PDB file of all heavy atoms in Angstrom:
ATOM      1  N   CYS A   1       0.871  -3.710   3.047  1.00  0.00           N
ATOM      2  CA  CYS A   1       1.872  -3.525   2.021  1.00  0.00           C
ATOM      3  C   CYS A   1       2.091  -2.042   1.858  1.00  0.00           C
ATOM      4  O   CYS A   1       1.308  -1.248   2.199  1.00  0.00           O
ATOM      5  CB  CYS A   1       1.477  -4.168   0.678  1.00  0.00           C
ATOM      6  SG  CYS A   1      -0.073  -3.562  -0.008  1.00  0.00           S
ATOM      7  N   ILE A   2       3.236  -1.685   1.263  1.00  0.00           N
ATOM      8  CA  ILE A   2       3.640  -0.331   1.081  1.00  0.00           C
ATOM      9  C   ILE A   2       4.442  -0.138  -0.146  1.00  0.00           C
ATOM     10  O   ILE A   2       5.255  -0.985  -0.510  1.00  0.00           O
ATOM     11  CB  ILE A   2       4.406   0.198   2.293  1.00  0.00           C
ATOM     12  CG1 ILE A   2       4.617   1.684   2.256  1.00  0.00           C
ATOM     13  CG2 ILE A   2       5.722  -0.587   2.492  1.00  0.00           C
ATOM     14  CD1 ILE A   2       5.060   2.294   3.562  1.00  0.00           C
ATOM     15  N   SER A   3       4.249   0.965  -0.907  1.00  0.00           N
ATOM     16  CA  SER A   3       5.025   1.314  -1.983  1.00  0.00           C
ATOM     17  C   SER A   3       6.276   2.062  -1.511  1.00  0.00           C
ATOM     18  O   SER A   3       6.134   3.112  -0.849  1.00  0.00           O
ATOM     19  CB  SER A   3       4.291   2.195  -2.916  1.00  0.00           C
ATOM     20  OG  SER A   3       5.077   2.843  -3.890  1.00  0.00           O
ATOM     21  N   ILE A   4       7.445   1.620  -1.819  1.00  0.00           N
ATOM     22  CA  ILE A   4       8.665   2.248  -1.447  1.00  0.00           C
ATOM     23  C   ILE A   4       8.809   3.607  -2.077  1.00  0.00           C
ATOM     24  O   ILE A   4       9.213   4.620  -1.441  1.00  0.00           O
ATOM     25  CB  ILE A   4       9.965   1.366  -1.690  1.00  0.00           C
ATOM     26  CG1 ILE A   4       9.791   0.001  -1.049  1.00  0.00           C
ATOM     27  CG2 ILE A   4      11.195   2.103  -1.251  1.00  0.00           C
ATOM     28  CD1 ILE A   4       9.664   0.079   0.454  1.00  0.00           C
ATOM     29  N   SER A   5       8.397   3.776  -3.310  1.00  0.00           N
ATOM     30  CA  SER A   5       8.652   4.981  -4.064  1.00  0.00           C
ATOM     31  C   SER A   5       7.743   6.173  -3.562  1.00  0.00           C
ATOM     32  O   SER A   5       8.202   7.243  -3.505  1.00  0.00           O
ATOM     33  CB  SER A   5       8.307   4.757  -5.485  1.00  0.00           C
ATOM     34  OG  SER A   5       7.017   4.470  -5.783  1.00  0.00           O
ATOM     35  N   ASP A   6       6.486   5.884  -3.158  1.00  0.00           N
ATOM     36  CA  ASP A   6       5.644   7.038  -2.826  1.00  0.00           C
ATOM     37  C   ASP A   6       4.919   6.933  -1.468  1.00  0.00           C
ATOM     38  O   ASP A   6       4.161   7.768  -1.137  1.00  0.00           O
ATOM     39  CB  ASP A   6       4.646   7.320  -3.942  1.00  0.00           C
ATOM     40  CG  ASP A   6       3.733   6.072  -4.210  1.00  0.00           C
ATOM     41  OD1 ASP A   6       3.554   5.250  -3.344  1.00  0.00           O
ATOM     42  OD2 ASP A   6       3.149   6.083  -5.349  1.00  0.00           O
ATOM     43  N   GLY A   7       5.124   5.794  -0.765  1.00  0.00           N
ATOM     44  CA  GLY A   7       4.602   5.622   0.542  1.00  0.00           C
ATOM     45  C   GLY A   7       3.201   5.186   0.673  1.00  0.00           C
ATOM     46  O   GLY A   7       2.621   5.122   1.796  1.00  0.00           O
ATOM     47  N   ARG A   8       2.554   4.914  -0.461  1.00  0.00           N
ATOM     48  CA  ARG A   8       1.131   4.419  -0.398  1.00  0.00           C
ATOM     49  C   ARG A   8       1.106   3.094   0.319  1.00  0.00           C
ATOM     50  O   ARG A   8       2.026   2.308   0.185  1.00  0.00           O
ATOM     51  CB  ARG A   8       0.561   4.251  -1.784  1.00  0.00           C
ATOM     52  CG  ARG A   8       0.286   5.499  -2.574  1.00  0.00           C
ATOM     53  CD  ARG A   8      -0.134   5.230  -4.000  1.00  0.00           C
ATOM     54  NE  ARG A   8       0.981   4.539  -4.748  1.00  0.00           N
ATOM     55  CZ  ARG A   8       0.809   3.418  -5.377  1.00  0.00           C
ATOM     56  NH1 ARG A   8      -0.335   2.748  -5.352  1.00  0.00           N
ATOM     57  NH2 ARG A   8       1.880   2.937  -6.028  1.00  0.00           N
ATOM     58  N   SER A   9       0.115   2.878   1.087  1.00  0.00           N
ATOM     59  CA  SER A   9      -0.003   1.681   1.922  1.00  0.00           C
ATOM     60  C   SER A   9      -1.462   1.109   1.877  1.00  0.00           C
ATOM     61  O   SER A   9      -2.353   1.878   1.606  1.00  0.00           O
ATOM     62  CB  SER A   9       0.500   1.892   3.273  1.00  0.00           C
ATOM     63  OG  SER A   9      -0.311   2.877   4.002  1.00  0.00           O
ATOM     64  N   ASP A  10      -1.550  -0.091   2.304  1.00  0.00           N
ATOM     65  CA  ASP A  10      -2.844  -0.762   2.397  1.00  0.00           C
ATOM     66  C   ASP A  10      -2.785  -1.849   3.504  1.00  0.00           C
ATOM     67  O   ASP A  10      -1.634  -2.349   3.784  1.00  0.00           O
ATOM     68  CB  ASP A  10      -3.252  -1.426   1.103  1.00  0.00           C
ATOM     69  CG  ASP A  10      -4.773  -1.781   1.018  1.00  0.00           C
ATOM     70  OD1 ASP A  10      -5.541  -1.206   1.863  1.00  0.00           O
ATOM     71  OD2 ASP A  10      -5.150  -2.578   0.178  1.00  0.00           O
ATOM     72  N   TYR A  11      -3.879  -2.043   4.101  1.00  0.00           N
ATOM     73  CA  TYR A  11      -4.021  -2.996   5.236  1.00  0.00           C
ATOM     74  C   TYR A  11      -5.239  -3.895   5.098  1.00  0.00           C
ATOM     75  O   TYR A  11      -6.284  -3.420   4.604  1.00  0.00           O
ATOM     76  CB  TYR A  11      -4.086  -2.321   6.594  1.00  0.00           C
ATOM     77  CG  TYR A  11      -2.958  -1.366   6.900  1.00  0.00           C
ATOM     78  CD1 TYR A  11      -2.974  -0.092   6.398  1.00  0.00           C
ATOM     79  CD2 TYR A  11      -1.897  -1.790   7.667  1.00  0.00           C
ATOM     80  CE1 TYR A  11      -1.898   0.823   6.688  1.00  0.00           C
ATOM     81  CE2 TYR A  11      -0.860  -0.882   7.992  1.00  0.00           C
ATOM     82  CZ  TYR A  11      -0.870   0.436   7.477  1.00  0.00           C
ATOM     83  OH  TYR A  11       0.168   1.252   7.783  1.00  0.00           O
ATOM     84  N   ARG A  12      -5.179  -5.125   5.624  1.00  0.00           N
ATOM     85  CA  ARG A  12      -6.384  -5.846   5.684  1.00  0.00           C
ATOM     86  C   ARG A  12      -7.220  -5.293   6.859  1.00  0.00           C
ATOM     87  O   ARG A  12      -6.688  -4.723   7.798  1.00  0.00           O
ATOM     88  CB  ARG A  12      -6.064  -7.329   5.936  1.00  0.00           C
ATOM     89  CG  ARG A  12      -5.543  -7.686   7.318  1.00  0.00           C
ATOM     90  CD  ARG A  12      -5.366  -9.216   7.452  1.00  0.00           C
ATOM     91  NE  ARG A  12      -6.540  -9.991   7.204  1.00  0.00           N
ATOM     92  CZ  ARG A  12      -6.776 -10.670   6.104  1.00  0.00           C
ATOM     93  NH1 ARG A  12      -5.907 -10.777   5.135  1.00  0.00           N
ATOM     94  NH2 ARG A  12      -7.913 -11.345   6.063  1.00  0.00           N
ATOM     95  N   ASP A  13      -8.552  -5.426   6.806  1.00  0.00           N
ATOM     96  CA  ASP A  13      -9.383  -4.785   7.743  1.00  0.00           C
ATOM     97  C   ASP A  13      -9.122  -5.120   9.161  1.00  0.00           C
ATOM     98  O   ASP A  13      -9.289  -4.289  10.022  1.00  0.00           O
ATOM     99  CB  ASP A  13     -10.871  -5.115   7.368  1.00  0.00           C
ATOM    100  CG  ASP A  13     -11.331  -4.411   6.086  1.00  0.00           C
ATOM    101  OD1 ASP A  13     -10.667  -3.464   5.631  1.00  0.00           O
ATOM    102  OD2 ASP A  13     -12.398  -4.816   5.547  1.00  0.00           O
ATOM    103  N   SER A  14      -8.773  -6.321   9.436  1.00  0.00           N
ATOM    104  CA  SER A  14      -8.665  -6.790  10.825  1.00  0.00           C
ATOM    105  C   SER A  14      -7.456  -6.158  11.532  1.00  0.00           C
ATOM    106  O   SER A  14      -7.437  -6.240  12.806  1.00  0.00           O
ATOM    107  CB  SER A  14      -8.574  -8.314  10.888  1.00  0.00           C
ATOM    108  OG  SER A  14      -7.385  -8.768  10.236  1.00  0.00           O
ATOM    109  N   VAL A  15      -6.552  -5.511  10.887  1.00  0.00           N
ATOM    110  CA  VAL A  15      -5.405  -4.939  11.521  1.00  0.00           C
ATOM    111  C   VAL A  15      -5.435  -3.382  11.379  1.00  0.00           C
ATOM    112  O   VAL A  15      -4.571  -2.750  11.995  1.00  0.00           O
ATOM    113  CB  VAL A  15      -4.095  -5.432  10.973  1.00  0.00           C
ATOM    114  CG1 VAL A  15      -4.081  -6.958  10.996  1.00  0.00           C
ATOM    115  CG2 VAL A  15      -3.807  -4.951   9.599  1.00  0.00           C
ATOM    116  N   LYS A  16      -6.369  -2.817  10.709  1.00  0.00           N
ATOM    117  CA  LYS A  16      -6.451  -1.377  10.624  1.00  0.00           C
ATOM    118  C   LYS A  16      -6.640  -0.702  11.931  1.00  0.00           C
ATOM    119  O   LYS A  16      -7.456  -1.130  12.761  1.00  0.00           O
ATOM    120  CB  LYS A  16      -7.566  -1.017   9.606  1.00  0.00           C
ATOM    121  CG  LYS A  16      -7.310  -1.317   8.226  1.00  0.00           C
ATOM    122  CD  LYS A  16      -8.486  -0.833   7.301  1.00  0.00           C
ATOM    123  CE  LYS A  16      -8.165  -1.215   5.900  1.00  0.00           C
ATOM    124  NZ  LYS A  16      -9.334  -0.888   4.950  1.00  0.00           N
ATOM    125  N   GLY A  17      -5.850   0.304  12.166  1.00  0.00           N
ATOM    126  CA  GLY A  17      -5.884   0.968  13.490  1.00  0.00           C
ATOM    127  C   GLY A  17      -4.965   0.365  14.518  1.00  0.00           C
ATOM    128  O   GLY A  17      -4.770   0.946  15.584  1.00  0.00           O
ATOM    129  N   ARG A  18      -4.450  -0.819  14.258  1.00  0.00           N
ATOM    130  CA  ARG A  18      -3.598  -1.472  15.216  1.00  0.00           C
ATOM    131  C   ARG A  18      -2.130  -1.641  14.673  1.00  0.00           C
ATOM    132  O   ARG A  18      -1.196  -1.559  15.409  1.00  0.00           O
ATOM    133  CB  ARG A  18      -4.103  -2.884  15.541  1.00  0.00           C
ATOM    134  CG  ARG A  18      -5.433  -2.887  16.194  1.00  0.00           C
ATOM    135  CD  ARG A  18      -5.839  -4.256  16.830  1.00  0.00           C
ATOM    136  NE  ARG A  18      -5.903  -5.229  15.718  1.00  0.00           N
ATOM    137  CZ  ARG A  18      -5.216  -6.329  15.715  1.00  0.00           C
ATOM    138  NH1 ARG A  18      -4.358  -6.637  16.706  1.00  0.00           N
ATOM    139  NH2 ARG A  18      -5.444  -7.231  14.720  1.00  0.00           N
ATOM    140  N   PHE A  19      -2.060  -1.928  13.343  1.00  0.00           N
ATOM    141  CA  PHE A  19      -0.754  -2.201  12.750  1.00  0.00           C
ATOM    142  C   PHE A  19      -0.453  -0.950  11.821  1.00  0.00           C
ATOM    143  O   PHE A  19      -1.319  -0.398  11.219  1.00  0.00           O
ATOM    144  CB  PHE A  19      -0.775  -3.429  11.854  1.00  0.00           C
ATOM    145  CG  PHE A  19      -0.860  -4.703  12.553  1.00  0.00           C
ATOM    146  CD1 PHE A  19      -1.195  -4.747  13.914  1.00  0.00           C
ATOM    147  CD2 PHE A  19      -0.731  -5.919  11.906  1.00  0.00           C
ATOM    148  CE1 PHE A  19      -1.299  -5.983  14.591  1.00  0.00           C
ATOM    149  CE2 PHE A  19      -0.841  -7.124  12.537  1.00  0.00           C
ATOM    150  CZ  PHE A  19      -1.170  -7.144  13.903  1.00  0.00           C
ATOM    151  N   THR A  20       0.845  -0.709  11.781  1.00  0.00           N
ATOM    152  CA  THR A  20       1.407   0.378  10.836  1.00  0.00           C
ATOM    153  C   THR A  20       2.616  -0.104  10.152  1.00  0.00           C
ATOM    154  O   THR A  20       3.583  -0.617  10.715  1.00  0.00           O
ATOM    155  CB  THR A  20       1.718   1.655  11.692  1.00  0.00           C
ATOM    156  OG1 THR A  20       0.627   2.142  12.408  1.00  0.00           O
ATOM    157  CG2 THR A  20       2.163   2.755  10.714  1.00  0.00           C
ATOM    158  N   ILE A  21       2.609   0.002   8.775  1.00  0.00           N
ATOM    159  CA  ILE A  21       3.760  -0.349   7.970  1.00  0.00           C
ATOM    160  C   ILE A  21       4.440   0.940   7.620  1.00  0.00           C
ATOM    161  O   ILE A  21       3.891   1.976   7.348  1.00  0.00           O
ATOM    162  CB  ILE A  21       3.244  -1.131   6.708  1.00  0.00           C
ATOM    163  CG1 ILE A  21       4.493  -1.688   5.977  1.00  0.00           C
ATOM    164  CG2 ILE A  21       2.401  -0.298   5.798  1.00  0.00           C
ATOM    165  CD1 ILE A  21       4.117  -2.717   4.871  1.00  0.00           C
ATOM    166  N   SER A  22       5.804   0.871   7.632  1.00  0.00           N
ATOM    167  CA  SER A  22       6.610   2.010   7.383  1.00  0.00           C
ATOM    168  C   SER A  22       7.999   1.558   6.751  1.00  0.00           C
ATOM    169  O   SER A  22       8.245   0.386   6.686  1.00  0.00           O
ATOM    170  CB  SER A  22       6.868   2.862   8.611  1.00  0.00           C
ATOM    171  OG  SER A  22       7.590   2.132   9.577  1.00  0.00           O
ATOM    172  N   THR A  23       8.747   2.542   6.266  1.00  0.00           N
ATOM    173  CA  THR A  23       9.984   2.207   5.595  1.00  0.00           C
ATOM    174  C   THR A  23      11.071   3.067   6.143  1.00  0.00           C
ATOM    175  O   THR A  23      10.840   4.174   6.598  1.00  0.00           O
ATOM    176  CB  THR A  23       9.894   2.413   4.089  1.00  0.00           C
ATOM    177  OG1 THR A  23       9.684   3.743   3.750  1.00  0.00           O
ATOM    178  CG2 THR A  23       8.759   1.623   3.501  1.00  0.00           C
ATOM    179  N   ASP A  24      12.318   2.562   6.059  1.00  0.00           N
ATOM    180  CA  ASP A  24      13.505   3.261   6.229  1.00  0.00           C
ATOM    181  C   ASP A  24      14.268   3.037   4.937  1.00  0.00           C
ATOM    182  O   ASP A  24      15.012   2.016   4.786  1.00  0.00           O
ATOM    183  CB  ASP A  24      14.302   2.939   7.445  1.00  0.00           C
ATOM    184  CG  ASP A  24      15.548   3.734   7.671  1.00  0.00           C
ATOM    185  OD1 ASP A  24      16.086   4.320   6.687  1.00  0.00           O
ATOM    186  OD2 ASP A  24      15.951   3.818   8.881  1.00  0.00           O
ATOM    187  N   ASN A  25      14.213   3.983   4.020  1.00  0.00           N
ATOM    188  CA  ASN A  25      14.817   3.736   2.674  1.00  0.00           C
ATOM    189  C   ASN A  25      16.305   3.788   2.726  1.00  0.00           C
ATOM    190  O   ASN A  25      16.926   3.168   1.814  1.00  0.00           O
ATOM    191  CB  ASN A  25      14.286   4.783   1.699  1.00  0.00           C
ATOM    192  CG  ASN A  25      12.820   4.640   1.395  1.00  0.00           C
ATOM    193  OD1 ASN A  25      12.170   3.690   1.877  1.00  0.00           O
ATOM    194  ND2 ASN A  25      12.276   5.467   0.528  1.00  0.00           N
ATOM    195  N   VAL A  26      16.953   4.496   3.673  1.00  0.00           N
ATOM    196  CA  VAL A  26      18.389   4.458   3.756  1.00  0.00           C
ATOM    197  C   VAL A  26      18.867   3.081   4.201  1.00  0.00           C
ATOM    198  O   VAL A  26      19.861   2.594   3.629  1.00  0.00           O
ATOM    199  CB  VAL A  26      18.849   5.530   4.789  1.00  0.00           C
ATOM    200  CG1 VAL A  26      20.396   5.363   5.042  1.00  0.00           C
ATOM    201  CG2 VAL A  26      18.482   6.878   4.343  1.00  0.00           C
ATOM    202  N   LYS A  27      18.138   2.385   5.068  1.00  0.00           N
ATOM    203  CA  LYS A  27      18.506   1.107   5.531  1.00  0.00           C
ATOM    204  C   LYS A  27      17.887  -0.085   4.681  1.00  0.00           C
ATOM    205  O   LYS A  27      18.184  -1.236   4.957  1.00  0.00           O
ATOM    206  CB  LYS A  27      18.015   0.862   6.957  1.00  0.00           C
ATOM    207  CG  LYS A  27      18.759   1.723   7.962  1.00  0.00           C
ATOM    208  CD  LYS A  27      18.281   1.477   9.397  1.00  0.00           C
ATOM    209  CE  LYS A  27      19.037   2.291  10.417  1.00  0.00           C
ATOM    210  NZ  LYS A  27      18.450   2.005  11.794  1.00  0.00           N
ATOM    211  N   ASN A  28      17.134   0.290   3.631  1.00  0.00           N
ATOM    212  CA  ASN A  28      16.401  -0.670   2.862  1.00  0.00           C
ATOM    213  C   ASN A  28      15.669  -1.642   3.768  1.00  0.00           C
ATOM    214  O   ASN A  28      15.714  -2.892   3.625  1.00  0.00           O
ATOM    215  CB  ASN A  28      17.382  -1.479   1.951  1.00  0.00           C
ATOM    216  CG  ASN A  28      17.884  -0.632   0.786  1.00  0.00           C
ATOM    217  OD1 ASN A  28      17.560   0.539   0.658  1.00  0.00           O
ATOM    218  ND2 ASN A  28      18.629  -1.278  -0.096  1.00  0.00           N
ATOM    219  N   THR A  29      14.841  -1.089   4.636  1.00  0.00           N
ATOM    220  CA  THR A  29      14.121  -1.913   5.608  1.00  0.00           C
ATOM    221  C   THR A  29      12.695  -1.448   5.711  1.00  0.00           C
ATOM    222  O   THR A  29      12.456  -0.254   5.639  1.00  0.00           O
ATOM    223  CB  THR A  29      14.818  -1.802   6.970  1.00  0.00           C
ATOM    224  OG1 THR A  29      16.069  -2.301   6.926  1.00  0.00           O
ATOM    225  CG2 THR A  29      14.047  -2.605   8.021  1.00  0.00           C
ATOM    226  N   VAL A  30      11.770  -2.397   5.808  1.00  0.00           N
ATOM    227  CA  VAL A  30      10.383  -2.156   6.027  1.00  0.00           C
ATOM    228  C   VAL A  30       9.954  -2.666   7.343  1.00  0.00           C
ATOM    229  O   VAL A  30      10.391  -3.756   7.778  1.00  0.00           O
ATOM    230  CB  VAL A  30       9.558  -2.806   4.930  1.00  0.00           C
ATOM    231  CG1 VAL A  30       8.024  -2.583   5.205  1.00  0.00           C
ATOM    232  CG2 VAL A  30       9.853  -2.160   3.572  1.00  0.00           C
ATOM    233  N   TYR A  31       9.197  -1.896   8.135  1.00  0.00           N
ATOM    234  CA  TYR A  31       8.798  -2.257   9.402  1.00  0.00           C
ATOM    235  C   TYR A  31       7.270  -2.522   9.491  1.00  0.00           C
ATOM    236  O   TYR A  31       6.524  -2.003   8.752  1.00  0.00           O
ATOM    237  CB  TYR A  31       9.119  -1.157  10.422  1.00  0.00           C
ATOM    238  CG  TYR A  31      10.565  -0.779  10.510  1.00  0.00           C
ATOM    239  CD1 TYR A  31      11.016   0.347   9.803  1.00  0.00           C
ATOM    240  CD2 TYR A  31      11.452  -1.554  11.181  1.00  0.00           C
ATOM    241  CE1 TYR A  31      12.390   0.600   9.809  1.00  0.00           C
ATOM    242  CE2 TYR A  31      12.818  -1.259  11.226  1.00  0.00           C
ATOM    243  CZ  TYR A  31      13.252  -0.114  10.555  1.00  0.00           C
ATOM    244  OH  TYR A  31      14.637   0.175  10.522  1.00  0.00           O
ATOM    245  N   LEU A  32       6.874  -3.429  10.391  1.00  0.00           N
ATOM    246  CA  LEU A  32       5.470  -3.580  10.715  1.00  0.00           C
ATOM    247  C   LEU A  32       5.331  -3.399  12.253  1.00  0.00           C
ATOM    248  O   LEU A  32       5.732  -4.263  12.984  1.00  0.00           O
ATOM    249  CB  LEU A  32       4.982  -4.956  10.321  1.00  0.00           C
ATOM    250  CG  LEU A  32       3.508  -5.143  10.450  1.00  0.00           C
ATOM    251  CD1 LEU A  32       2.658  -4.222   9.571  1.00  0.00           C
ATOM    252  CD2 LEU A  32       3.095  -6.607  10.250  1.00  0.00           C
ATOM    253  N   GLN A  33       4.788  -2.264  12.623  1.00  0.00           N
ATOM    254  CA  GLN A  33       4.524  -1.961  13.998  1.00  0.00           C
ATOM    255  C   GLN A  33       3.178  -2.524  14.348  1.00  0.00           C
ATOM    256  O   GLN A  33       2.199  -2.184  13.787  1.00  0.00           O
ATOM    257  CB  GLN A  33       4.574  -0.507  14.297  1.00  0.00           C
ATOM    258  CG  GLN A  33       4.273  -0.169  15.779  1.00  0.00           C
ATOM    259  CD  GLN A  33       5.337  -0.606  16.719  1.00  0.00           C
ATOM    260  OE1 GLN A  33       6.488  -0.399  16.532  1.00  0.00           O
ATOM    261  NE2 GLN A  33       4.949  -1.179  17.849  1.00  0.00           N
ATOM    262  N   MET A  34       3.169  -3.490  15.362  1.00  0.00           N
ATOM    263  CA  MET A  34       1.934  -4.181  15.707  1.00  0.00           C
ATOM    264  C   MET A  34       1.580  -3.846  17.129  1.00  0.00           C
ATOM    265  O   MET A  34       2.332  -4.170  18.099  1.00  0.00           O
ATOM    266  CB  MET A  34       2.111  -5.675  15.492  1.00  0.00           C
ATOM    267  CG  MET A  34       2.530  -6.137  14.161  1.00  0.00           C
ATOM    268  SD  MET A  34       2.594  -7.921  13.922  1.00  0.00           S
ATOM    269  CE  MET A  34       3.864  -8.357  15.101  1.00  0.00           C
ATOM    270  N   ASN A  35       0.494  -3.197  17.369  1.00  0.00           N
ATOM    271  CA  ASN A  35      -0.042  -2.773  18.634  1.00  0.00           C
ATOM    272  C   ASN A  35      -1.332  -3.469  18.899  1.00  0.00           C
ATOM    273  O   ASN A  35      -2.065  -3.969  18.017  1.00  0.00           O
ATOM    274  CB  ASN A  35      -0.202  -1.294  18.739  1.00  0.00           C
ATOM    275  CG  ASN A  35       1.069  -0.432  18.539  1.00  0.00           C
ATOM    276  OD1 ASN A  35       2.127  -0.894  18.904  1.00  0.00           O
ATOM    277  ND2 ASN A  35       0.960   0.675  17.875  1.00  0.00           N
ATOM    278  N   LYS A  36      -1.635  -3.473  20.233  1.00  0.00           N
ATOM    279  CA  LYS A  36      -2.922  -4.124  20.630  1.00  0.00           C
ATOM    280  C   LYS A  36      -3.081  -5.514  20.061  1.00  0.00           C
ATOM    281  O   LYS A  36      -4.145  -5.864  19.577  1.00  0.00           O
ATOM    282  CB  LYS A  36      -4.151  -3.206  20.250  1.00  0.00           C
ATOM    283  CG  LYS A  36      -4.084  -1.802  20.938  1.00  0.00           C
ATOM    284  CD  LYS A  36      -5.252  -0.967  20.483  1.00  0.00           C
ATOM    285  CE  LYS A  36      -5.163   0.409  21.196  1.00  0.00           C
ATOM    286  NZ  LYS A  36      -6.313   1.258  20.762  1.00  0.00           N
ATOM    287  N   LEU A  37      -2.055  -6.275  20.208  1.00  0.00           N
ATOM    288  CA  LEU A  37      -2.006  -7.636  19.647  1.00  0.00           C
ATOM    289  C   LEU A  37      -3.083  -8.525  20.245  1.00  0.00           C
ATOM    290  O   LEU A  37      -3.368  -8.409  21.515  1.00  0.00           O
ATOM    291  CB  LEU A  37      -0.619  -8.227  19.749  1.00  0.00           C
ATOM    292  CG  LEU A  37       0.403  -7.693  18.740  1.00  0.00           C
ATOM    293  CD1 LEU A  37       1.743  -7.991  19.218  1.00  0.00           C
ATOM    294  CD2 LEU A  37       0.112  -8.339  17.374  1.00  0.00           C
ATOM    295  N   LYS A  38      -3.583  -9.419  19.423  1.00  0.00           N
ATOM    296  CA  LYS A  38      -4.613 -10.353  19.845  1.00  0.00           C
ATOM    297  C   LYS A  38      -4.123 -11.785  19.623  1.00  0.00           C
ATOM    298  O   LYS A  38      -3.292 -11.981  18.767  1.00  0.00           O
ATOM    299  CB  LYS A  38      -5.905 -10.116  19.013  1.00  0.00           C
ATOM    300  CG  LYS A  38      -6.498  -8.778  19.122  1.00  0.00           C
ATOM    301  CD  LYS A  38      -7.648  -8.566  18.218  1.00  0.00           C
ATOM    302  CE  LYS A  38      -8.241  -7.197  18.234  1.00  0.00           C
ATOM    303  NZ  LYS A  38      -9.413  -7.023  17.358  1.00  0.00           N
ATOM    304  N   PRO A  39      -4.623 -12.747  20.318  1.00  0.00           N
ATOM    305  CA  PRO A  39      -4.251 -14.136  20.062  1.00  0.00           C
ATOM    306  C   PRO A  39      -4.450 -14.532  18.584  1.00  0.00           C
ATOM    307  O   PRO A  39      -3.665 -15.341  18.063  1.00  0.00           O
ATOM    308  CB  PRO A  39      -5.165 -14.925  20.975  1.00  0.00           C
ATOM    309  CG  PRO A  39      -5.409 -14.042  22.146  1.00  0.00           C
ATOM    310  CD  PRO A  39      -5.466 -12.646  21.570  1.00  0.00           C
ATOM    311  N   GLU A  40      -5.436 -13.948  17.928  1.00  0.00           N
ATOM    312  CA  GLU A  40      -5.736 -14.233  16.533  1.00  0.00           C
ATOM    313  C   GLU A  40      -4.605 -13.752  15.633  1.00  0.00           C
ATOM    314  O   GLU A  40      -4.588 -14.202  14.432  1.00  0.00           O
ATOM    315  CB  GLU A  40      -7.026 -13.617  16.081  1.00  0.00           C
ATOM    316  CG  GLU A  40      -8.252 -14.012  16.974  1.00  0.00           C
ATOM    317  CD  GLU A  40      -8.481 -12.936  18.057  1.00  0.00           C
ATOM    318  OE1 GLU A  40      -7.891 -13.159  19.134  1.00  0.00           O
ATOM    319  OE2 GLU A  40      -9.228 -11.984  17.839  1.00  0.00           O
ATOM    320  N   ASP A  41      -3.761 -12.953  16.129  1.00  0.00           N
ATOM    321  CA  ASP A  41      -2.580 -12.470  15.329  1.00  0.00           C
ATOM    322  C   ASP A  41      -1.431 -13.501  15.315  1.00  0.00           C
ATOM    323  O   ASP A  41      -0.444 -13.245  14.561  1.00  0.00           O
ATOM    324  CB  ASP A  41      -2.062 -11.128  15.837  1.00  0.00           C
ATOM    325  CG  ASP A  41      -3.120  -9.954  15.668  1.00  0.00           C
ATOM    326  OD1 ASP A  41      -3.782  -9.901  14.656  1.00  0.00           O
ATOM    327  OD2 ASP A  41      -3.242  -9.237  16.650  1.00  0.00           O
ATOM    328  N   THR A  42      -1.549 -14.515  16.060  1.00  0.00           N
ATOM    329  CA  THR A  42      -0.494 -15.429  16.114  1.00  0.00           C
ATOM    330  C   THR A  42      -0.272 -16.183  14.699  1.00  0.00           C
ATOM    331  O   THR A  42      -1.217 -16.669  14.172  1.00  0.00           O
ATOM    332  CB  THR A  42      -0.806 -16.588  17.127  1.00  0.00           C
ATOM    333  OG1 THR A  42      -0.771 -15.954  18.483  1.00  0.00           O
ATOM    334  CG2 THR A  42       0.190 -17.650  17.170  1.00  0.00           C
ATOM    335  N   ALA A  43       0.926 -16.074  14.243  1.00  0.00           N
ATOM    336  CA  ALA A  43       1.314 -16.615  12.912  1.00  0.00           C
ATOM    337  C   ALA A  43       2.742 -16.488  12.653  1.00  0.00           C
ATOM    338  O   ALA A  43       3.460 -15.798  13.405  1.00  0.00           O
ATOM    339  CB  ALA A  43       0.442 -15.924  11.861  1.00  0.00           C
ATOM    340  N   VAL A  44       3.181 -17.145  11.586  1.00  0.00           N
ATOM    341  CA  VAL A  44       4.518 -16.853  11.083  1.00  0.00           C
ATOM    342  C   VAL A  44       4.302 -15.682  10.097  1.00  0.00           C
ATOM    343  O   VAL A  44       3.453 -15.753   9.157  1.00  0.00           O
ATOM    344  CB  VAL A  44       5.099 -18.053  10.311  1.00  0.00           C
ATOM    345  CG1 VAL A  44       6.401 -17.638   9.575  1.00  0.00           C
ATOM    346  CG2 VAL A  44       5.400 -19.154  11.338  1.00  0.00           C
ATOM    347  N   TYR A  45       5.075 -14.600  10.340  1.00  0.00           N
ATOM    348  CA  TYR A  45       5.013 -13.434   9.489  1.00  0.00           C
ATOM    349  C   TYR A  45       6.146 -13.363   8.472  1.00  0.00           C
ATOM    350  O   TYR A  45       7.285 -13.515   8.887  1.00  0.00           O
ATOM    351  CB  TYR A  45       4.977 -12.125  10.328  1.00  0.00           C
ATOM    352  CG  TYR A  45       3.631 -11.879  11.028  1.00  0.00           C
ATOM    353  CD1 TYR A  45       3.246 -12.709  12.103  1.00  0.00           C
ATOM    354  CD2 TYR A  45       2.845 -10.837  10.593  1.00  0.00           C
ATOM    355  CE1 TYR A  45       2.061 -12.435  12.752  1.00  0.00           C
ATOM    356  CE2 TYR A  45       1.672 -10.622  11.292  1.00  0.00           C
ATOM    357  CZ  TYR A  45       1.311 -11.434  12.310  1.00  0.00           C
ATOM    358  OH  TYR A  45       0.073 -11.216  12.921  1.00  0.00           O
ATOM    359  N   SER A  46       5.824 -13.167   7.227  1.00  0.00           N
ATOM    360  CA  SER A  46       6.831 -13.112   6.168  1.00  0.00           C
ATOM    361  C   SER A  46       6.670 -11.808   5.371  1.00  0.00           C
ATOM    362  O   SER A  46       5.633 -11.261   5.253  1.00  0.00           O
ATOM    363  CB  SER A  46       6.647 -14.235   5.231  1.00  0.00           C
ATOM    364  OG  SER A  46       6.786 -15.540   5.831  1.00  0.00           O
TER     365      SER A  46
END
């Protein structure tokens, strides 16, 4: 998760170092960059 206003973020332990959350405030869009994906990451993401 990420705070739009100040950029603070938090991650569950299993994705730390692999996933990065970021924002583009002009586009009103939040991204989740997922690297080094594992089969355990398979899911519907919302």
